[in-house]
Protein backbone atom coordinates (compact mmCIF):
# COMPACT_ATOMS: atom_id res chain seq x y z
CA UNK A 1 18.61 75.31 -19.36
CA UNK A 2 21.76 73.64 -20.67
CA UNK A 3 21.96 72.58 -24.26
CA UNK A 4 22.55 68.85 -24.50
CA UNK A 5 25.12 67.55 -26.97
CA UNK A 6 24.58 64.03 -28.31
CA UNK A 7 27.82 62.07 -28.77
CA UNK A 8 27.59 58.95 -30.92
CA UNK A 9 30.61 56.69 -30.69
CA UNK A 10 32.19 53.59 -32.18
CA UNK A 11 35.25 51.88 -30.73
CA UNK A 12 37.24 48.81 -31.70
CA UNK A 13 40.37 47.27 -30.18
CA UNK A 14 41.99 43.87 -29.81
CA UNK A 15 43.22 44.82 -26.32
CA UNK A 16 40.67 43.48 -23.82
CA UNK A 17 41.96 45.66 -20.97
CA UNK A 18 41.54 48.82 -23.06
CA UNK A 19 38.09 47.69 -24.20
CA UNK A 20 36.97 47.38 -20.58
CA UNK A 21 38.60 50.68 -19.54
CA UNK A 22 36.77 52.49 -22.34
CA UNK A 23 33.45 50.80 -21.58
CA UNK A 24 33.63 51.48 -17.85
CA UNK A 25 35.31 54.86 -18.31
CA UNK A 26 32.47 56.11 -20.49
CA UNK A 27 29.91 54.49 -18.18
CA UNK A 28 31.41 56.18 -15.11
CA UNK A 29 31.48 59.62 -16.72
CA UNK A 30 28.26 59.56 -18.76
CA UNK A 31 24.92 57.82 -19.13
CA UNK A 32 25.33 55.41 -22.06
CA UNK A 33 22.44 54.80 -24.46
CA UNK A 34 21.85 52.26 -27.22
CA UNK A 35 25.02 50.39 -26.28
CA UNK A 36 25.80 47.48 -28.61
CA UNK A 37 28.92 45.46 -29.24
CA UNK A 38 30.78 42.19 -29.36
CA UNK A 39 34.21 40.89 -28.38
CA UNK A 40 36.31 43.74 -29.76
CA UNK A 41 33.93 46.56 -30.72
CA UNK A 42 31.19 48.69 -29.21
CA UNK A 43 28.95 51.52 -30.28
CA UNK A 44 26.43 53.71 -28.56
CA UNK A 45 25.82 57.26 -27.48
CA UNK A 46 26.11 59.52 -24.47
CA UNK A 47 25.11 63.08 -23.65
CA UNK A 48 27.30 65.98 -22.57
CA UNK A 49 26.70 69.66 -21.89
CA UNK A 50 27.05 72.01 -24.89
CA UNK A 51 29.78 70.22 -26.89
CA UNK A 52 32.25 67.33 -27.21
CA UNK A 53 33.59 66.51 -23.70
CA UNK A 54 37.27 66.83 -24.59
CA UNK A 55 38.65 66.89 -21.02
CA UNK A 56 36.69 63.80 -19.93
CA UNK A 57 37.74 61.83 -23.02
CA UNK A 58 41.40 62.91 -22.59
CA UNK A 59 41.35 61.77 -18.95
CA UNK A 60 39.95 58.39 -19.99
CA UNK A 61 42.54 58.01 -22.77
CA UNK A 62 45.38 58.53 -20.25
CA UNK A 63 44.33 55.32 -18.48
CA UNK A 64 44.77 53.16 -21.60
CA UNK A 65 47.70 50.98 -22.58
CA UNK A 66 49.53 51.65 -25.84
CA UNK A 67 47.39 49.94 -28.47
CA UNK A 68 47.98 49.99 -32.25
CA UNK A 69 44.59 48.32 -32.82
CA UNK A 70 42.58 51.04 -31.04
CA UNK A 71 40.14 52.95 -33.25
CA UNK A 72 37.58 55.41 -31.85
CA UNK A 73 35.05 57.58 -33.67
CA UNK A 74 32.91 60.15 -31.85
CA UNK A 75 30.42 62.38 -33.66
CA UNK A 76 29.01 65.16 -31.47
CA UNK A 77 26.00 67.30 -32.34
CA UNK A 78 23.79 69.87 -30.65
CA UNK A 79 21.12 70.88 -33.16
CA UNK A 80 19.93 73.97 -31.27
CA UNK A 81 23.34 75.62 -31.66
CA UNK A 82 23.97 74.03 -35.08
CA UNK A 83 27.05 72.38 -33.58
CA UNK A 84 28.55 69.33 -35.32
CA UNK A 85 32.03 67.93 -34.75
CA UNK A 86 33.74 64.59 -35.39
CA UNK A 87 36.77 63.12 -33.61
CA UNK A 88 38.65 60.06 -34.85
CA UNK A 89 41.42 58.29 -32.96
CA UNK A 90 43.58 56.01 -35.12
CA UNK A 91 47.28 55.13 -35.21
CA UNK A 92 47.77 56.82 -31.83
CA UNK A 93 46.50 60.23 -32.97
CA UNK A 94 43.29 62.25 -32.74
CA UNK A 95 41.89 64.05 -35.79
CA UNK A 96 38.98 66.46 -35.51
CA UNK A 97 36.64 67.67 -38.22
């Protein structure tokens, strides 16, 4: 049985095209849960196997336009393995904790 990692995310951007690419990009790659949002922000969660889905998120990010207003936070946890990791995208860079 695979351990399921829960990924909670928040995203904001003033670029409507990027907003839609992120929304549909996550929706195409994962099942989205508890999705909420308005004109320029969204939050929700999705599951992945074992840990943060770095390759899938990187592939989605390559489809986006350059956007100084883009801010993404993803907190990933898998309690059975005591795994917890946070990823923040701001000012064009990813930081991981």
